[in-house]
Amino acid sequence: MQLKPVLSMAAVLLASAGPLHAAKFETLGYKAISMGGAAVASSSGSIATYNNPALLGKTHYTAEVSMGGGMGAYDHGAGASIIKLGDSGFLDTINKANQDYTSLTPTDIRNLIDGTEIVIGMDGDAISLTPQAYVAAQLSNFGIGVFGTSDTAAIARVDQAHDQLIFYDAGSGTYIKINSDGTPALSNPTEYADTSIEYALNNGMTYLDVRGVSMAEVPVAYGHNFGSVIGNVMLGGAFKYMQALAYTEKMKIDYSGNLEGPKGERLENTSSGFGVDLGLAYQPAFAYDLTVALVGTNLNSPEFEFPDGTFYTIEPMLRAGLAYSIIDSLEIAADIDLTSNKVLNDDLESQMVGGGINFEPFTSVFALSLRAGLMQNLNANDQAGLIYTAGMGIGLKWFQMDLSGQVGSNTNTSGDVTVPQFAKVNLALISRW
């Protein structure tokens, strides 16, 4: 597998992605990422400001400060195809054919035929990157932070009518067609314009549609515990300033750069708004080790504008969860999305379910946390499969470093390299006292 197309693809997506958010319940925070996405009932402390402000009513420490960042990558089929095209040198071989068809070797012709099949089959496939970063603080029952997430998707738009290998051979001044069996035939300008895959690639009819929304959220949150004879009832809310950068651009199908001319220009628009989150958590009197929780985010449906004048609306999202402390050092937790939310990939929605376990064998002076879990998208079009999660935190009681990650069970293979279709990693620093 050649490294160049991989680095090129990642660089362009990263350049497109700002510090920001997508219309799904993002898995954010070291515990949530490593415990199967579970956070609504278990993620107290500074990160509760994002995951469920009601949990600010049951904080274990007077103050906590955390910061973290990471990257998620999800190949919905386009990534593997782009790598295959790069490995075969498909576009370079097309350019070679334009210069002098007679210089093509049997291997070149095979690459062109195989590459055409790859491009035609890519239609609607996508690849996305989801970088995120945050800084958050909790002081008693109050929380504040800056949370940044981004969803950048590249979706293949392939003109299915332009599926023939037809070139203008500059050497002979003629149009040449390569049949499916590899034999050449004469063609003409009309057939070239109507059916040539090269014509579609050069004229913006077959391309990668790159679009994304990056969002910075600055919430101020509060949670309160109302003790009663039936148990602890915790209510919390967050009011947040939100700034979104929405962007679109069209790129060559192999991610080697933008399309030439106005069609390939990057268009972007920045807009801002406000969001409201509300959370509820309950610890029953008969089992204070059990927490049942519900959170609703973006309940006011904040709206942001794309460069073309269309609007990107973040619909309200509901998630429920529970957490149970088996013993002081051992906790299990699980979450489920009660809403199914659209993402930038046309055919996919996000409705996650998952859970995990957290084991903290000692926390008095030295601190160690070991976590694991499973999660899965309930949407039928999901391609990540079952997602395995894990994480470890280590350090002193007052300062810890934490590494967590996720990897999907479904894989793509290009050449002799097999990679998961979904993966995510996060590094965090936590200080509490």
Protein backbone atom coordinates (compact mmCIF):
# COMPACT_ATOMS: atom_id res chain seq x y z
CA MET A 1 0.00 0.00 0.00
CA GLN A 2 1.43 3.37 -0.97
CA LEU A 3 1.66 5.94 1.83
CA LYS A 4 1.10 9.00 -0.38
CA PRO A 5 -2.69 8.65 -0.95
CA VAL A 6 -3.25 7.95 2.74
CA LEU A 7 -1.31 11.03 3.83
CA SER A 8 -2.92 13.17 1.15
CA MET A 9 -6.42 12.10 2.17
CA ALA A 10 -5.74 12.72 5.86
CA ALA A 11 -4.10 16.09 5.23
CA VAL A 12 -7.00 17.43 3.20
CA LEU A 13 -9.61 16.29 5.71
CA LEU A 14 -7.62 17.74 8.58
CA ALA A 15 -7.20 21.02 6.74
CA SER A 16 -10.95 21.13 6.22
CA ALA A 17 -11.72 20.32 9.83
CA GLY A 18 -11.73 23.03 12.44
CA PRO A 19 -12.03 22.51 16.20
CA LEU A 20 -15.70 21.46 16.18
CA HIS A 21 -19.32 19.31 16.11
CA ALA A 22 -21.75 17.14 14.15
CA ALA A 23 -25.45 16.36 14.47
CA LYS A 24 -25.07 13.27 16.59
CA PHE A 25 -24.34 12.59 20.24
CA GLU A 26 -20.55 12.73 20.20
CA THR A 27 -18.66 10.33 22.45
CA LEU A 28 -16.52 12.78 24.37
CA GLY A 29 -14.32 12.27 27.41
CA TYR A 30 -11.90 9.58 28.50
CA LYS A 31 -14.48 7.46 30.37
CA ALA A 32 -17.13 7.58 27.66
CA ILE A 33 -14.72 6.70 24.86
CA SER A 34 -13.36 3.68 26.71
CA MET A 35 -16.62 2.42 28.29
CA GLY A 36 -18.66 1.80 25.16
CA GLY A 37 -19.86 5.38 24.97
CA ALA A 38 -21.50 5.27 28.41
CA ALA A 39 -21.46 8.73 29.98
CA VAL A 40 -24.99 9.94 30.81
CA ALA A 41 -25.08 8.29 34.25
CA SER A 42 -21.37 7.79 34.98
CA SER A 43 -19.40 10.78 33.67
CA SER A 44 -19.37 13.09 36.68
CA GLY A 45 -16.83 15.83 37.23
CA SER A 46 -15.70 18.34 34.62
CA ILE A 47 -16.85 16.34 31.59
CA ALA A 48 -20.42 16.22 33.00
CA THR A 49 -20.77 19.74 31.63
CA TYR A 50 -20.89 18.16 28.17
CA ASN A 51 -22.36 14.70 28.75
CA ASN A 52 -25.03 15.38 31.39
CA PRO A 53 -25.05 18.51 33.58
CA ALA A 54 -27.26 16.73 36.15
CA LEU A 55 -24.18 14.75 37.22
CA LEU A 56 -22.68 17.97 38.55
CA GLY A 57 -25.03 17.26 41.46
CA LYS A 58 -23.07 14.14 42.47
CA THR A 59 -19.45 15.15 42.02
CA HIS A 60 -16.89 13.23 44.08
CA TYR A 61 -14.33 16.05 44.21
CA THR A 62 -14.48 19.74 45.08
CA ALA A 63 -12.81 20.64 41.81
CA GLU A 64 -11.64 18.93 38.65
CA VAL A 65 -9.94 20.20 35.52
CA SER A 66 -9.52 18.07 32.43
CA MET A 67 -8.29 18.54 28.91
CA GLY A 68 -8.14 16.11 26.05
CA GLY A 69 -8.12 15.62 22.34
CA GLY A 70 -8.25 12.90 19.77
CA MET A 71 -9.24 11.75 16.32
CA GLY A 72 -11.81 9.39 14.88
CA ALA A 73 -11.79 7.96 11.35
CA TYR A 74 -14.66 6.13 9.69
CA ASP A 75 -14.35 4.61 6.22
CA HIS A 76 -17.73 4.08 4.61
CA GLY A 77 -16.07 2.47 1.60
CA ALA A 78 -14.45 5.46 -0.11
CA GLY A 79 -11.19 5.30 1.84
CA ALA A 80 -10.29 1.80 0.69
CA SER A 81 -11.17 2.68 -2.90
CA ILE A 82 -9.04 5.83 -2.82
CA ILE A 83 -6.07 3.82 -1.54
CA LYS A 84 -6.56 1.21 -4.29
CA LEU A 85 -6.65 3.93 -6.95
CA GLY A 86 -3.48 5.41 -5.52
CA ASP A 87 -1.75 2.04 -5.43
CA SER A 88 -2.64 1.32 -9.06
CA GLY A 89 -1.68 4.79 -10.33
CA PHE A 90 -5.05 5.04 -12.10
CA LEU A 91 -5.07 8.79 -12.83
CA ASP A 92 -1.38 8.80 -13.76
CA THR A 93 -2.04 5.99 -16.24
CA ILE A 94 -4.93 8.00 -17.76
CA ASN A 95 -2.50 10.89 -18.30
CA LYS A 96 -0.04 8.46 -19.88
CA ALA A 97 -2.74 7.25 -22.28
CA ASN A 98 -3.48 10.83 -23.31
CA GLN A 99 0.15 11.42 -24.22
CA ASP A 100 0.66 8.26 -26.24
CA TYR A 101 -1.72 5.31 -26.14
CA THR A 102 0.88 3.02 -27.72
CA SER A 103 3.13 3.46 -24.67
CA LEU A 104 0.64 1.61 -22.44
CA THR A 105 1.77 -1.79 -21.20
CA PRO A 106 -0.61 -4.73 -20.59
CA THR A 107 -0.30 -3.91 -16.86
CA ASP A 108 -1.32 -0.30 -17.54
CA ILE A 109 -4.39 -1.42 -19.46
CA ARG A 110 -5.37 -3.81 -16.68
CA ASN A 111 -4.98 -1.00 -14.14
CA LEU A 112 -7.23 1.26 -16.21
CA ILE A 113 -9.94 -1.38 -16.46
CA ASP A 114 -9.77 -2.23 -12.75
CA GLY A 115 -9.62 1.46 -11.80
CA THR A 116 -12.74 2.22 -13.81
CA GLU A 117 -14.62 -0.50 -11.94
CA ILE A 118 -13.41 0.93 -8.62
CA VAL A 119 -14.52 4.48 -9.48
CA ILE A 120 -17.95 3.43 -10.78
CA GLY A 121 -18.51 1.32 -7.66
CA MET A 122 -17.59 4.21 -5.34
CA ASP A 123 -20.78 6.19 -5.99
CA GLY A 124 -22.24 7.25 -2.64
CA ASP A 125 -19.35 5.84 -0.59
CA ALA A 126 -17.78 8.16 1.96
CA ILE A 127 -14.96 8.63 4.40
CA SER A 128 -15.06 10.90 7.43
CA LEU A 129 -12.74 12.25 10.09
CA THR A 130 -13.94 13.50 13.47
CA PRO A 131 -11.26 15.37 15.41
CA GLN A 132 -12.20 16.69 18.85
CA ALA A 133 -10.63 18.61 21.70
CA TYR A 134 -11.80 20.10 24.96
CA VAL A 135 -10.85 21.91 28.15
CA ALA A 136 -13.33 21.65 31.03
CA ALA A 137 -13.51 22.59 34.70
CA GLN A 138 -15.83 21.66 37.53
CA LEU A 139 -16.00 23.60 40.78
CA SER A 140 -18.50 22.20 43.26
CA ASN A 141 -21.82 22.04 41.36
CA PHE A 142 -20.77 24.34 38.52
CA GLY A 143 -19.14 23.44 35.24
CA ILE A 144 -17.64 25.36 32.33
CA GLY A 145 -15.63 24.40 29.31
CA VAL A 146 -14.70 24.77 25.67
CA PHE A 147 -15.64 21.71 23.63
CA GLY A 148 -14.65 21.35 20.01
CA THR A 149 -15.68 18.60 17.62
CA SER A 150 -15.85 18.31 13.86
CA ASP A 151 -17.42 16.04 11.27
CA THR A 152 -15.85 16.22 7.82
CA ALA A 153 -17.15 13.81 5.19
CA ALA A 154 -15.94 13.16 1.66
CA ILE A 155 -18.68 11.52 -0.43
CA ALA A 156 -18.03 10.08 -3.88
CA ARG A 157 -20.34 11.49 -6.59
CA VAL A 158 -19.87 9.34 -9.69
CA ASP A 159 -21.66 9.96 -12.99
CA GLN A 160 -22.75 6.44 -13.88
CA ALA A 161 -23.26 7.28 -17.57
CA HIS A 162 -19.57 8.09 -17.99
CA ASP A 163 -18.12 4.61 -17.48
CA GLN A 164 -16.05 4.04 -20.63
CA LEU A 165 -12.27 4.21 -21.09
CA ILE A 166 -12.00 6.72 -23.94
CA PHE A 167 -9.02 9.06 -24.37
CA TYR A 168 -7.80 11.68 -26.76
CA ASP A 169 -4.41 10.38 -27.88
CA ALA A 170 -2.36 13.53 -28.45
CA GLY A 171 0.32 11.52 -30.23
CA SER A 172 -1.96 10.32 -33.04
CA GLY A 173 -4.68 12.99 -32.78
CA THR A 174 -7.40 10.36 -32.47
CA TYR A 175 -9.89 9.21 -29.84
CA ILE A 176 -9.12 5.72 -28.54
CA LYS A 177 -11.47 3.45 -26.61
CA ILE A 178 -10.31 0.51 -24.50
CA ASN A 179 -12.88 -2.25 -24.45
CA SER A 180 -13.58 -4.39 -21.38
CA ASP A 181 -11.35 -7.15 -22.79
CA GLY A 182 -8.44 -4.70 -23.16
CA THR A 183 -8.58 -4.37 -26.94
CA PRO A 184 -8.43 -0.88 -28.52
CA ALA A 185 -11.00 0.70 -30.84
CA LEU A 186 -11.43 4.05 -32.51
CA SER A 187 -13.88 6.48 -30.94
CA ASN A 188 -15.08 10.05 -31.62
CA PRO A 189 -15.59 13.38 -29.80
CA THR A 190 -19.31 12.78 -29.21
CA GLU A 191 -18.83 9.38 -27.61
CA TYR A 192 -15.95 10.80 -25.57
CA ALA A 193 -18.08 13.64 -24.16
CA ASP A 194 -21.09 11.40 -23.52
CA THR A 195 -19.49 8.32 -21.93
CA SER A 196 -15.78 8.80 -21.11
CA ILE A 197 -14.81 8.42 -17.44
CA GLU A 198 -11.87 10.71 -18.12
CA TYR A 199 -14.24 13.41 -19.39
CA ALA A 200 -16.33 13.11 -16.23
CA LEU A 201 -13.23 13.34 -14.02
CA ASN A 202 -11.87 16.38 -15.85
CA ASN A 203 -15.18 18.26 -15.98
CA GLY A 204 -16.41 17.89 -12.43
CA MET A 205 -19.05 15.26 -13.15
CA THR A 206 -17.29 12.60 -11.06
CA TYR A 207 -15.69 13.95 -7.90
CA LEU A 208 -15.46 13.84 -4.11
CA ASP A 209 -18.00 16.06 -2.40
CA VAL A 210 -16.23 17.29 0.74
CA ARG A 211 -18.41 18.98 3.32
CA GLY A 212 -18.29 19.45 7.01
CA VAL A 213 -19.49 21.26 10.06
CA SER A 214 -17.11 22.26 12.82
CA MET A 215 -18.53 23.52 16.09
CA ALA A 216 -17.07 25.17 19.17
CA GLU A 217 -19.32 25.02 22.23
CA VAL A 218 -18.78 27.09 25.38
CA PRO A 219 -21.27 25.92 28.02
CA VAL A 220 -21.95 27.16 31.53
CA ALA A 221 -23.62 24.40 33.53
CA TYR A 222 -25.06 23.72 36.96
CA GLY A 223 -26.38 20.59 38.64
CA HIS A 224 -28.18 20.20 41.96
CA ASN A 225 -29.00 17.17 44.10
CA PHE A 226 -32.46 17.18 45.68
CA GLY A 227 -32.35 14.60 48.46
CA SER A 228 -35.69 13.03 49.39
CA VAL A 229 -37.22 9.97 50.99
CA ILE A 230 -37.35 8.29 47.57
CA GLY A 231 -33.66 8.92 46.91
CA ASN A 232 -31.46 11.52 45.24
CA VAL A 233 -32.99 13.43 42.34
CA MET A 234 -30.44 15.45 40.41
CA LEU A 235 -31.36 18.13 37.90
CA GLY A 236 -28.94 20.06 35.75
CA GLY A 237 -28.76 22.33 32.75
CA ALA A 238 -26.26 23.99 30.46
CA PHE A 239 -26.57 27.14 28.41
CA LYS A 240 -23.96 27.28 25.71
CA TYR A 241 -22.63 29.63 23.08
CA MET A 242 -22.06 27.80 19.80
CA GLN A 243 -20.04 28.86 16.77
CA ALA A 244 -20.12 26.76 13.61
CA LEU A 245 -17.91 26.72 10.55
CA ALA A 246 -19.72 25.03 7.66
CA TYR A 247 -17.75 24.32 4.49
CA THR A 248 -17.98 22.57 1.13
CA GLU A 249 -15.53 21.83 -1.68
CA LYS A 250 -15.13 19.43 -4.57
CA MET A 251 -11.98 17.38 -4.98
CA LYS A 252 -10.47 14.91 -7.41
CA ILE A 253 -11.60 11.35 -6.88
CA ASP A 254 -8.19 10.23 -5.59
CA TYR A 255 -7.85 13.16 -3.15
CA SER A 256 -4.83 14.50 -5.02
CA GLY A 257 -6.24 18.04 -4.92
CA ASN A 258 -9.18 20.31 -5.72
CA LEU A 259 -10.94 20.28 -9.04
CA GLU A 260 -9.66 22.98 -11.34
CA GLY A 261 -11.74 26.12 -11.74
CA PRO A 262 -14.68 27.48 -9.73
CA LYS A 263 -16.17 24.01 -9.16
CA GLY A 264 -13.29 23.09 -6.88
CA GLU A 265 -13.22 26.23 -4.77
CA ARG A 266 -13.66 25.87 -1.03
CA LEU A 267 -16.75 27.69 0.23
CA GLU A 268 -17.25 28.33 3.92
CA ASN A 269 -19.48 30.25 6.26
CA THR A 270 -19.24 30.97 9.97
CA SER A 271 -22.34 31.50 12.06
CA SER A 272 -23.19 31.38 15.74
CA GLY A 273 -26.08 30.59 18.04
CA PHE A 274 -27.02 29.25 21.44
CA GLY A 275 -27.96 25.81 22.70
CA VAL A 276 -29.75 24.46 25.73
CA ASP A 277 -29.08 21.08 27.39
CA LEU A 278 -31.09 19.62 30.28
CA GLY A 279 -30.30 16.53 32.34
CA LEU A 280 -31.89 14.35 34.99
CA ALA A 281 -30.34 11.68 37.20
CA TYR A 282 -31.86 9.54 39.95
CA GLN A 283 -30.39 7.38 42.71
CA PRO A 284 -33.17 5.37 44.36
CA ALA A 285 -33.26 5.16 48.16
CA PHE A 286 -33.14 1.37 48.04
CA ALA A 287 -29.91 1.38 45.97
CA TYR A 288 -27.79 4.53 46.13
CA ASP A 289 -25.10 2.73 44.15
CA LEU A 290 -27.44 2.80 41.13
CA THR A 291 -27.81 5.91 38.96
CA VAL A 292 -30.41 6.17 36.20
CA ALA A 293 -30.13 9.22 33.96
CA LEU A 294 -31.59 11.04 30.96
CA VAL A 295 -30.19 13.99 29.03
CA GLY A 296 -31.54 16.11 26.20
CA THR A 297 -29.10 18.21 24.18
CA ASN A 298 -29.71 21.13 21.83
CA LEU A 299 -33.36 21.20 22.84
CA ASN A 300 -33.88 24.53 21.05
CA SER A 301 -32.71 23.11 17.66
CA PRO A 302 -29.91 25.63 16.96
CA GLU A 303 -29.45 26.35 13.27
CA PHE A 304 -26.36 27.24 11.25
CA GLU A 305 -25.92 28.29 7.65
CA PHE A 306 -24.00 26.52 4.88
CA PRO A 307 -22.13 28.57 2.25
CA ASP A 308 -24.81 27.83 -0.36
CA GLY A 309 -27.53 29.39 1.78
CA THR A 310 -28.98 26.12 3.07
CA PHE A 311 -29.20 25.57 6.80
CA TYR A 312 -27.72 22.95 9.06
CA THR A 313 -30.04 22.26 11.99
CA ILE A 314 -28.87 20.35 15.04
CA GLU A 315 -31.96 18.45 16.09
CA PRO A 316 -32.61 17.69 19.77
CA MET A 317 -30.91 14.50 20.94
CA LEU A 318 -32.03 12.30 23.82
CA ARG A 319 -29.87 9.71 25.54
CA ALA A 320 -30.58 7.50 28.54
CA GLY A 321 -28.09 5.69 30.73
CA LEU A 322 -27.46 3.84 33.94
CA ALA A 323 -24.45 3.23 36.14
CA TYR A 324 -23.97 0.86 39.05
CA SER A 325 -21.11 0.70 41.53
CA ILE A 326 -20.72 -2.98 42.36
CA ILE A 327 -18.07 -2.05 44.92
CA ASP A 328 -16.24 1.22 45.51
CA SER A 329 -13.59 0.35 42.93
CA LEU A 330 -15.78 -1.32 40.29
CA GLU A 331 -18.43 0.42 38.17
CA ILE A 332 -20.51 -0.73 35.20
CA ALA A 333 -22.45 1.63 32.95
CA ALA A 334 -24.50 1.63 29.75
CA ASP A 335 -26.09 4.23 27.44
CA ILE A 336 -28.57 4.21 24.57
CA ASP A 337 -29.58 6.96 22.15
CA LEU A 338 -33.35 7.44 22.22
CA THR A 339 -33.19 9.47 19.01
CA SER A 340 -31.68 8.62 15.65
CA ASN A 341 -29.70 11.54 14.30
CA LYS A 342 -28.49 12.27 10.78
CA VAL A 343 -24.82 12.70 10.00
CA LEU A 344 -23.16 14.26 6.95
CA ASN A 345 -22.94 10.90 5.17
CA ASP A 346 -26.19 10.75 3.18
CA ASP A 347 -27.14 7.14 3.94
CA LEU A 348 -26.17 6.95 7.60
CA GLU A 349 -27.81 7.90 10.87
CA SER A 350 -26.39 7.56 14.36
CA GLN A 351 -28.20 5.74 17.16
CA MET A 352 -25.67 4.22 19.50
CA VAL A 353 -25.99 1.67 22.29
CA GLY A 354 -23.13 0.51 24.44
CA GLY A 355 -21.65 0.03 27.85
CA GLY A 356 -18.57 -0.88 29.78
CA ILE A 357 -16.76 -1.42 33.04
CA ASN A 358 -14.39 0.77 35.06
CA PHE A 359 -12.00 -0.70 37.62
CA GLU A 360 -10.03 1.60 39.95
CA PRO A 361 -8.06 -0.66 42.32
CA PHE A 362 -6.50 2.26 44.21
CA THR A 363 -7.05 6.03 44.33
CA SER A 364 -5.69 7.22 47.72
CA VAL A 365 -2.29 8.52 46.58
CA PHE A 366 -1.49 6.73 43.35
CA ALA A 367 -4.33 6.32 40.88
CA LEU A 368 -5.01 3.62 38.31
CA SER A 369 -8.07 3.19 36.13
CA LEU A 370 -8.68 0.27 33.74
CA ARG A 371 -11.72 0.35 31.46
CA ALA A 372 -13.27 -1.66 28.64
CA GLY A 373 -16.56 -1.82 26.79
CA LEU A 374 -18.57 -2.45 23.63
CA MET A 375 -20.81 -0.24 21.50
CA GLN A 376 -22.69 -0.38 18.21
CA ASN A 377 -24.75 1.80 15.92
CA LEU A 378 -28.31 0.47 15.61
CA ASN A 379 -28.68 1.97 12.12
CA ALA A 380 -28.84 -0.70 9.40
CA ASN A 381 -26.45 1.21 7.12
CA ASP A 382 -23.64 1.30 9.64
CA GLN A 383 -20.41 -0.33 8.44
CA ALA A 384 -18.26 -0.12 11.57
CA GLY A 385 -19.64 -3.32 13.11
CA LEU A 386 -19.27 -4.02 16.81
CA ILE A 387 -16.94 -1.43 18.34
CA TYR A 388 -14.47 -2.51 21.03
CA THR A 389 -13.39 0.16 23.50
CA ALA A 390 -10.68 0.33 26.15
CA GLY A 391 -8.73 2.82 28.20
CA MET A 392 -6.23 3.27 31.01
CA GLY A 393 -5.46 6.16 33.33
CA ILE A 394 -2.42 6.34 35.58
CA GLY A 395 -0.79 8.91 37.86
CA LEU A 396 -1.25 10.49 41.25
CA LYS A 397 -4.59 11.14 42.89
CA TRP A 398 -4.23 14.81 41.94
CA PHE A 399 -2.92 14.41 38.39
CA GLN A 400 -3.42 11.63 35.89
CA MET A 401 -2.80 10.88 32.23
CA ASP A 402 -5.37 8.83 30.37
CA LEU A 403 -5.35 7.06 27.00
CA SER A 404 -8.52 5.60 25.51
CA GLY A 405 -9.54 4.21 22.15
CA GLN A 406 -12.14 2.48 20.02
CA VAL A 407 -11.88 0.10 17.06
CA GLY A 408 -14.59 -1.46 14.90
CA SER A 409 -14.82 -5.14 14.06
CA ASN A 410 -15.41 -4.59 10.33
CA THR A 411 -12.30 -4.12 8.19
CA ASN A 412 -11.18 -3.06 4.72
CA THR A 413 -8.30 -4.65 2.85
CA SER A 414 -6.09 -2.95 0.29
CA GLY A 415 -3.30 -5.09 -1.07
CA ASP A 416 -1.78 -6.91 1.88
CA VAL A 417 -2.94 -4.34 4.46
CA THR A 418 -6.12 -4.76 6.51
CA VAL A 419 -7.42 -1.86 8.60
CA PRO A 420 -10.60 -1.36 10.64
CA GLN A 421 -13.31 0.73 9.04
CA PHE A 422 -13.71 2.70 12.26
CA ALA A 423 -11.14 3.76 14.86
CA LYS A 424 -10.84 6.51 17.46
CA VAL A 425 -8.18 7.51 19.97
CA ASN A 426 -8.15 10.09 22.78
CA LEU A 427 -5.49 11.40 25.15
CA ALA A 428 -6.51 13.30 28.30
CA LEU A 429 -4.98 14.97 31.35
CA ILE A 430 -7.01 15.16 34.55
CA SER A 431 -6.37 17.04 37.79
CA ARG A 432 -8.77 16.79 40.75
CA TRP A 433 -8.74 17.65 44.41
